[in-house]
Amino acid sequence: MDVAIIGIGLHRFGRSEGMTGQQQGAAAVRSALADAGVDWKQMQFAFGGSQDAGNADALVNELGLTGLQFTNIWNGCATGGSSLHAAYTAIKSGEYDMGVVVGFDKHPRGAFNPQPKDWGLGDWYGETGMMLTTQFFAMKIQRYMHDYGISNDALVRVAEKAFYNGSLTPTAWRTTALSYEEIANSMMVSDPLRKYMFCSPAEGGAALVLCNAKVAKQFTSKPLYIKAAAVRSRHYGSFEVFSPSQAPQVNDSPTVTASRAAFELAGVGPGDVDVLQLQDTDSGTEIIHMAENGFCEHGEQEKLLREGATRIDGPLPVNTDGGCLANGEPVGASGLRQVYEVCIQLRGEGGARQVPGKPQVGYTHVYGAPGISGVNIITA
């Protein structure tokens, strides 16, 4: 049984003074319902999550007390991908015909402040500075650059592309393009990653309305189809956020296993994908994820970026809305923002950021601590 996306909604990312995170989530749901031409009372279930803005199930206070099943999902930055996977399987099983996926957040300035004990780690981990994800990601990309011959030029080019794409996206937080020089000369945060190479905590909401594909065209003339949804955790030897040690031999990341599972389920390969969203917590992670998701070999990213392959008009358009770098990362909503953008592209509604050539296959990848990846493959 296929699963269709018939409605998409987004509340602008960034800062929305005077609105709670839940209100932003509710706004995204209302937008998705309107896009699908359906009513909240028709929803049979909802899956959703938030880190700092309250319980997602409390959205019923905003949307209506209808008695539907509402399940809270929390999987770090992979919350959106995990919520979509739950909804996908709920419909695919035949138990439900229609429901909502929603994510939202409202992070305070200066977030995040994870505590070692919450992740099964001793205080020593924080005392050495490893709870600072900026430091972890910097250390990871340092090793990757050493092993595969990636230079600082690649890091700058990823950020330059992100902010340019953000300048074309009305719902993005950062809508000012930055020059190569501005990025390359910005303040060093954790070597080799500079100020404009990191995403920021943010606010926003995103929502999708899903249904059994057999009835999708009763609601919309432009349904999209989820051909695969996969979520995987790490293996021993995966070097991920909050790893307390490094195994002698590095194993595949959860991104690799989630990506392979999704491609197998969808019956397509990386060469079939027309537009993609990759987790870009920082410039380095986008580079790593290009290879881990199977879109190039390790070490090829430098050449691809220099040639403009990942730009909107390139053969491998990545993060056409600016990704996390330009949109910020409200944790509960970020993974669904990726799906929203891919849907916009497959519908041909991207405006100035539209990928040319009528893209037919979209791909989204989200990554969360302490090593969870979610991949979705969507077709027109």
Protein backbone atom coordinates (compact mmCIF):
# COMPACT_ATOMS: atom_id res chain seq x y z
CA MET A 1 0.00 0.00 0.00
CA ASP A 2 1.47 3.35 -1.06
CA VAL A 3 1.35 6.46 1.10
CA ALA A 4 0.69 9.91 -0.34
CA ILE A 5 1.42 13.45 0.84
CA ILE A 6 -1.61 15.58 0.02
CA GLY A 7 -0.96 18.68 2.13
CA ILE A 8 2.09 20.63 3.26
CA GLY A 9 2.38 23.53 5.68
CA LEU A 10 5.16 25.64 7.14
CA HIS A 11 5.36 28.43 9.68
CA ARG A 12 8.33 30.65 8.85
CA PHE A 13 11.56 29.71 10.60
CA GLY A 14 13.61 32.22 12.59
CA ARG A 15 12.19 34.29 15.46
CA SER A 16 8.46 34.85 15.97
CA GLU A 17 8.07 37.11 18.96
CA GLY A 18 4.66 36.87 20.57
CA MET A 19 3.98 33.33 19.34
CA THR A 20 4.61 30.15 21.28
CA GLY A 21 6.18 27.16 19.61
CA GLN A 22 2.89 25.31 19.85
CA GLN A 23 1.10 28.16 18.09
CA GLN A 24 3.66 27.97 15.29
CA GLY A 25 3.08 24.22 15.06
CA ALA A 26 -0.69 24.73 14.95
CA ALA A 27 -0.26 27.33 12.20
CA ALA A 28 1.72 24.83 10.15
CA VAL A 29 -1.00 22.19 10.62
CA ARG A 30 -3.74 24.60 9.57
CA SER A 31 -1.73 25.48 6.48
CA ALA A 32 -1.25 21.80 5.59
CA LEU A 33 -4.95 21.05 6.10
CA ALA A 34 -5.90 23.98 3.88
CA ASP A 35 -3.41 22.85 1.24
CA ALA A 36 -5.03 19.39 1.25
CA GLY A 37 -8.56 20.76 1.35
CA VAL A 38 -9.44 18.71 4.44
CA ASP A 39 -10.54 19.39 8.00
CA TRP A 40 -8.87 18.59 11.32
CA LYS A 41 -11.88 16.42 12.21
CA GLN A 42 -10.98 14.09 9.33
CA MET A 43 -7.58 13.29 10.83
CA GLN A 44 -7.42 9.80 12.33
CA PHE A 45 -3.99 10.18 13.94
CA ALA A 46 -1.13 12.58 14.49
CA PHE A 47 2.57 12.09 15.21
CA GLY A 48 4.72 15.00 16.23
CA GLY A 49 7.53 16.32 18.35
CA SER A 50 9.25 19.27 19.95
CA GLN A 51 12.32 19.66 22.14
CA ASP A 52 11.81 22.97 23.94
CA ALA A 53 8.27 24.13 23.09
CA GLY A 54 6.11 21.68 24.99
CA ASN A 55 4.32 18.43 24.25
CA ALA A 56 3.20 18.06 20.66
CA ASP A 57 -0.04 16.35 21.68
CA ALA A 58 -1.10 19.58 23.41
CA LEU A 59 -1.70 20.97 19.90
CA VAL A 60 -5.20 19.53 20.18
CA ASN A 61 -5.98 22.47 22.47
CA GLU A 62 -5.29 24.73 19.48
CA LEU A 63 -6.72 22.55 16.73
CA GLY A 64 -9.68 20.82 18.32
CA LEU A 65 -10.52 18.05 20.79
CA THR A 66 -11.52 15.25 18.42
CA GLY A 67 -10.23 12.23 20.29
CA LEU A 68 -7.71 11.21 17.63
CA GLN A 69 -4.62 9.16 18.46
CA PHE A 70 -1.76 11.64 19.01
CA THR A 71 1.70 10.22 19.72
CA ASN A 72 4.65 12.35 20.82
CA ILE A 73 7.93 11.54 19.05
CA TRP A 74 11.34 12.57 20.34
CA ASN A 75 14.51 11.54 18.49
CA GLY A 76 16.79 14.56 18.69
CA CYS A 77 17.33 16.32 15.37
CA ALA A 78 15.89 13.21 13.69
CA THR A 79 12.49 13.89 15.31
CA GLY A 80 10.85 15.03 12.07
CA GLY A 81 12.12 12.05 10.09
CA SER A 82 11.07 9.68 12.87
CA SER A 83 7.58 11.21 13.05
CA LEU A 84 7.13 10.83 9.31
CA HIS A 85 8.32 7.23 9.47
CA ALA A 86 5.75 6.49 12.19
CA ALA A 87 2.93 8.01 10.14
CA TYR A 88 4.10 6.25 6.98
CA THR A 89 4.01 2.86 8.68
CA ALA A 90 0.63 3.59 10.32
CA ILE A 91 -0.97 4.09 6.91
CA LYS A 92 1.03 1.41 5.14
CA SER A 93 -0.15 -1.15 7.72
CA GLY A 94 -3.75 -0.44 6.75
CA GLU A 95 -4.76 0.69 10.24
CA TYR A 96 -5.38 4.31 9.21
CA ASP A 97 -6.26 6.16 6.01
CA MET A 98 -5.35 9.75 6.86
CA GLY A 99 -3.37 11.68 9.44
CA VAL A 100 -0.99 14.49 10.28
CA VAL A 101 2.73 14.76 10.98
CA VAL A 102 3.86 17.92 12.75
CA GLY A 103 7.00 19.32 14.31
CA PHE A 104 7.70 22.64 15.98
CA ASP A 105 10.10 24.31 18.38
CA LYS A 106 11.04 27.57 20.01
CA HIS A 107 14.60 27.47 21.27
CA PRO A 108 15.92 30.21 23.54
CA ARG A 109 18.95 32.16 22.44
CA GLY A 110 22.08 30.34 23.51
CA ALA A 111 20.55 26.87 23.22
CA PHE A 112 21.60 24.09 23.52
CA ASN A 113 22.94 22.92 26.87
CA PRO A 114 22.84 19.09 26.96
CA GLN A 115 23.79 17.34 30.18
CA PRO A 116 26.08 14.27 30.07
CA LYS A 117 23.89 12.19 32.40
CA ASP A 118 20.92 12.54 30.04
CA TRP A 119 22.95 10.73 27.38
CA GLY A 120 24.37 7.98 29.57
CA LEU A 121 27.73 9.73 29.97
CA GLY A 122 29.80 10.69 32.99
CA ASP A 123 30.51 14.27 34.03
CA TRP A 124 34.04 13.90 32.64
CA TYR A 125 32.60 14.11 29.13
CA GLY A 126 31.29 17.61 29.74
CA GLU A 127 34.38 18.66 31.70
CA THR A 128 36.56 17.91 28.65
CA GLY A 129 34.32 20.06 26.46
CA MET A 130 32.90 17.26 24.37
CA MET A 131 29.27 18.13 25.10
CA LEU A 132 29.83 21.17 22.88
CA THR A 133 28.60 19.93 19.53
CA THR A 134 30.54 22.66 17.74
CA GLN A 135 33.70 21.01 19.06
CA PHE A 136 32.56 17.50 18.14
CA PHE A 137 31.63 18.42 14.57
CA ALA A 138 34.87 20.33 14.15
CA MET A 139 36.88 17.34 15.33
CA LYS A 140 34.95 15.00 13.03
CA ILE A 141 35.44 17.15 9.93
CA GLN A 142 39.12 17.67 10.79
CA ARG A 143 39.66 13.94 10.62
CA TYR A 144 37.55 13.63 7.47
CA MET A 145 39.48 16.42 5.72
CA HIS A 146 42.74 14.72 6.63
CA ASP A 147 41.61 11.30 5.43
CA TYR A 148 40.04 12.39 2.14
CA GLY A 149 41.92 15.51 1.10
CA ILE A 150 39.12 18.03 1.65
CA SER A 151 40.19 21.67 2.03
CA ASN A 152 38.72 24.72 3.73
CA ASP A 153 37.56 25.87 0.31
CA ALA A 154 34.86 23.17 0.36
CA LEU A 155 33.59 24.31 3.76
CA VAL A 156 33.23 27.88 2.52
CA ARG A 157 31.47 26.83 -0.68
CA VAL A 158 28.82 24.85 1.21
CA ALA A 159 27.97 27.89 3.33
CA GLU A 160 28.07 30.28 0.37
CA LYS A 161 25.53 28.09 -1.46
CA ALA A 162 23.31 27.82 1.61
CA PHE A 163 23.01 31.55 2.17
CA TYR A 164 22.47 32.22 -1.52
CA ASN A 165 19.64 29.67 -1.59
CA GLY A 166 18.23 31.18 1.59
CA SER A 167 18.12 34.59 -0.10
CA LEU A 168 15.71 33.05 -2.64
CA THR A 169 13.46 31.47 0.00
CA PRO A 170 10.77 33.70 1.55
CA THR A 171 10.27 31.39 4.55
CA ALA A 172 13.99 31.18 5.43
CA TRP A 173 15.46 32.91 8.47
CA ARG A 174 18.70 34.09 6.84
CA THR A 175 17.68 35.76 3.60
CA THR A 176 20.88 37.68 2.92
CA ALA A 177 23.43 36.07 0.63
CA LEU A 178 26.99 36.10 1.97
CA SER A 179 30.10 36.30 -0.14
CA TYR A 180 32.87 33.75 -0.17
CA GLU A 181 35.16 36.27 1.55
CA GLU A 182 32.66 37.11 4.29
CA ILE A 183 32.35 33.44 5.20
CA ALA A 184 36.04 32.64 4.88
CA ASN A 185 37.00 35.59 7.11
CA SER A 186 34.28 35.18 9.73
CA MET A 187 35.13 34.40 13.35
CA MET A 188 36.62 30.99 14.03
CA VAL A 189 34.38 28.98 16.39
CA SER A 190 35.90 25.50 16.46
CA ASP A 191 38.71 24.98 14.00
CA PRO A 192 38.14 24.61 11.03
CA LEU A 193 34.49 25.70 11.35
CA ARG A 194 33.74 29.43 11.38
CA LYS A 195 30.74 31.50 12.46
CA TYR A 196 28.84 31.25 9.17
CA MET A 197 29.49 27.52 8.85
CA PHE A 198 27.11 26.58 11.69
CA CYS A 199 23.33 26.61 11.88
CA SER A 200 21.62 28.35 14.80
CA PRO A 201 18.82 27.36 17.19
CA ALA A 202 15.59 28.79 15.85
CA GLU A 203 11.79 28.72 15.92
CA GLY A 204 9.24 27.40 13.46
CA GLY A 205 6.75 24.71 12.58
CA ALA A 206 6.17 22.26 9.73
CA ALA A 207 3.36 19.82 9.01
CA LEU A 208 2.23 17.27 6.43
CA VAL A 209 -1.10 15.59 5.72
CA LEU A 210 -0.70 11.97 4.62
CA CYS A 211 -3.23 9.50 3.29
CA ASN A 212 -3.66 6.14 1.62
CA ALA A 213 -2.51 6.69 -1.96
CA LYS A 214 -5.65 4.99 -3.28
CA VAL A 215 -7.78 7.93 -2.19
CA ALA A 216 -5.25 10.74 -2.64
CA LYS A 217 -6.73 12.13 -5.85
CA GLN A 218 -10.05 12.63 -4.13
CA PHE A 219 -8.37 15.50 -2.28
CA THR A 220 -5.72 16.90 -4.61
CA SER A 221 -4.66 16.80 -8.24
CA LYS A 222 -0.99 16.91 -7.23
CA PRO A 223 -0.33 14.12 -4.69
CA LEU A 224 3.23 13.06 -3.98
CA TYR A 225 4.20 9.56 -2.94
CA ILE A 226 6.47 8.38 -0.15
CA LYS A 227 8.34 5.48 -1.71
CA ALA A 228 10.55 4.88 1.31
CA ALA A 229 10.95 5.98 4.91
CA ALA A 230 13.79 4.53 6.98
CA VAL A 231 15.25 5.36 10.39
CA ARG A 232 18.41 3.71 11.71
CA SER A 233 20.61 4.03 14.81
CA ARG A 234 24.38 3.59 15.03
CA HIS A 235 26.50 0.44 15.10
CA TYR A 236 29.49 -0.16 17.32
CA GLY A 237 32.33 1.80 15.79
CA SER A 238 30.17 4.59 14.34
CA PHE A 239 31.76 7.88 15.39
CA GLU A 240 28.73 10.01 16.26
CA VAL A 241 27.67 12.86 18.52
CA PHE A 242 28.29 12.06 22.20
CA SER A 243 30.39 8.98 21.43
CA PRO A 244 32.36 8.32 24.64
CA SER A 245 35.23 6.69 22.72
CA GLN A 246 36.44 5.77 19.28
CA ALA A 247 36.65 2.13 18.21
CA PRO A 248 39.92 0.98 16.57
CA GLN A 249 38.05 0.45 13.31
CA VAL A 250 35.42 2.97 12.18
CA ASN A 251 32.10 1.39 11.20
CA ASP A 252 29.43 2.71 8.87
CA SER A 253 27.35 5.58 10.21
CA PRO A 254 23.57 5.29 10.71
CA THR A 255 23.25 7.54 7.66
CA VAL A 256 24.83 4.86 5.48
CA THR A 257 22.51 2.12 6.73
CA ALA A 258 19.38 4.30 6.59
CA SER A 259 20.22 5.44 3.07
CA ARG A 260 20.82 1.92 1.80
CA ALA A 261 17.58 0.70 3.37
CA ALA A 262 15.60 3.54 1.78
CA PHE A 263 17.04 3.04 -1.70
CA GLU A 264 16.33 -0.69 -1.51
CA LEU A 265 12.76 -0.10 -0.37
CA ALA A 266 12.10 2.53 -3.03
CA GLY A 267 13.70 0.53 -5.82
CA VAL A 268 15.78 3.49 -6.99
CA GLY A 269 19.40 4.59 -6.66
CA PRO A 270 21.26 7.85 -6.02
CA GLY A 271 21.44 8.53 -9.74
CA ASP A 272 17.66 8.68 -9.93
CA VAL A 273 17.34 11.52 -7.40
CA ASP A 274 16.64 14.98 -8.83
CA VAL A 275 16.64 17.13 -5.68
CA LEU A 276 17.83 16.41 -2.16
CA GLN A 277 18.01 17.71 1.38
CA LEU A 278 20.95 16.67 3.56
CA GLN A 279 21.44 17.46 7.24
CA ASP A 280 23.78 20.44 7.41
CA THR A 281 24.18 21.22 11.08
CA ASP A 282 27.44 22.71 9.83
CA SER A 283 29.25 22.91 6.49
CA GLY A 284 31.31 19.84 7.29
CA THR A 285 28.35 17.57 7.92
CA GLU A 286 26.84 18.36 4.53
CA ILE A 287 30.13 17.36 2.92
CA ILE A 288 30.28 14.09 4.86
CA HIS A 289 26.61 13.33 4.22
CA MET A 290 27.00 13.73 0.47
CA ALA A 291 29.12 10.59 0.47
CA GLU A 292 27.41 8.73 3.32
CA ASN A 293 24.09 8.97 1.46
CA GLY A 294 25.68 7.53 -1.66
CA PHE A 295 25.70 10.61 -3.90
CA CYS A 296 29.46 10.60 -4.42
CA GLU A 297 32.60 8.84 -3.27
CA HIS A 298 34.48 10.07 -0.21
CA GLY A 299 36.86 12.79 -1.36
CA GLU A 300 34.91 13.74 -4.50
CA GLN A 301 33.03 16.53 -2.72
CA GLU A 302 35.79 19.10 -3.27
CA LYS A 303 35.56 18.82 -7.05
CA LEU A 304 31.75 18.70 -7.10
CA LEU A 305 31.46 21.84 -4.98
CA ARG A 306 34.03 23.73 -7.03
CA GLU A 307 32.12 22.84 -10.21
CA GLY A 308 28.81 23.99 -8.70
CA ALA A 309 27.24 20.53 -8.89
CA THR A 310 25.19 21.04 -5.70
CA ARG A 311 23.74 24.40 -6.71
CA ILE A 312 20.10 24.76 -7.72
CA ASP A 313 20.93 24.51 -11.42
CA GLY A 314 23.54 21.78 -10.93
CA PRO A 315 23.12 18.04 -11.50
CA LEU A 316 22.92 17.38 -7.74
CA PRO A 317 20.95 20.25 -6.12
CA VAL A 318 21.38 20.07 -2.35
CA ASN A 319 19.37 22.09 0.22
CA THR A 320 17.60 24.32 -2.27
CA ASP A 321 16.00 26.38 0.52
CA GLY A 322 19.32 27.01 2.25
CA GLY A 323 19.14 24.03 4.60
CA CYS A 324 19.75 24.38 8.31
CA LEU A 325 22.46 26.99 7.72
CA ALA A 326 19.97 29.50 6.29
CA ASN A 327 16.82 28.35 8.09
CA GLY A 328 18.17 27.58 11.53
CA GLU A 329 17.22 24.39 13.31
CA PRO A 330 14.08 24.27 15.42
CA VAL A 331 14.73 20.64 16.28
CA GLY A 332 11.18 19.29 16.15
CA ALA A 333 10.41 20.94 12.80
CA SER A 334 13.67 20.71 10.91
CA GLY A 335 13.25 17.26 9.35
CA LEU A 336 9.75 18.10 8.15
CA ARG A 337 10.97 21.40 6.71
CA GLN A 338 13.21 19.27 4.49
CA VAL A 339 10.22 17.26 3.26
CA TYR A 340 8.20 20.46 2.75
CA GLU A 341 10.94 21.85 0.51
CA VAL A 342 11.26 18.67 -1.54
CA CYS A 343 7.48 18.69 -2.04
CA ILE A 344 7.63 22.31 -3.20
CA GLN A 345 10.30 21.33 -5.74
CA LEU A 346 8.44 18.25 -7.02
CA ARG A 347 5.30 20.38 -7.45
CA GLY A 348 7.27 22.94 -9.43
CA GLU A 349 6.41 25.71 -6.95
CA GLY A 350 9.93 26.80 -5.99
CA GLY A 351 9.86 30.15 -7.76
CA ALA A 352 13.33 31.70 -7.92
CA ARG A 353 14.83 28.59 -6.30
CA GLN A 354 13.03 26.04 -8.48
CA VAL A 355 15.20 23.22 -9.76
CA PRO A 356 14.90 23.13 -13.57
CA GLY A 357 13.75 20.16 -15.60
CA LYS A 358 10.63 19.10 -13.66
CA PRO A 359 12.22 17.02 -10.88
CA GLN A 360 10.43 13.73 -10.20
CA VAL A 361 12.36 12.12 -7.33
CA GLY A 362 13.25 13.85 -4.04
CA TYR A 363 15.38 12.71 -1.13
CA THR A 364 15.59 13.92 2.46
CA HIS A 365 18.09 13.01 5.15
CA VAL A 366 18.07 14.08 8.79
CA TYR A 367 20.62 13.26 11.45
CA GLY A 368 20.28 13.52 15.22
CA ALA A 369 22.22 12.82 18.39
CA PRO A 370 23.36 10.40 19.62
CA GLY A 371 23.56 8.84 16.16
CA ILE A 372 20.16 8.46 14.47
CA SER A 373 19.44 9.03 10.79
CA GLY A 374 16.18 9.21 8.90
CA VAL A 375 15.85 9.05 5.11
CA ASN A 376 12.78 9.59 2.93
CA ILE A 377 12.36 9.14 -0.81
CA ILE A 378 9.43 10.97 -2.40
CA THR A 379 8.20 10.90 -5.99
CA ALA A 380 5.84 12.97 -8.10
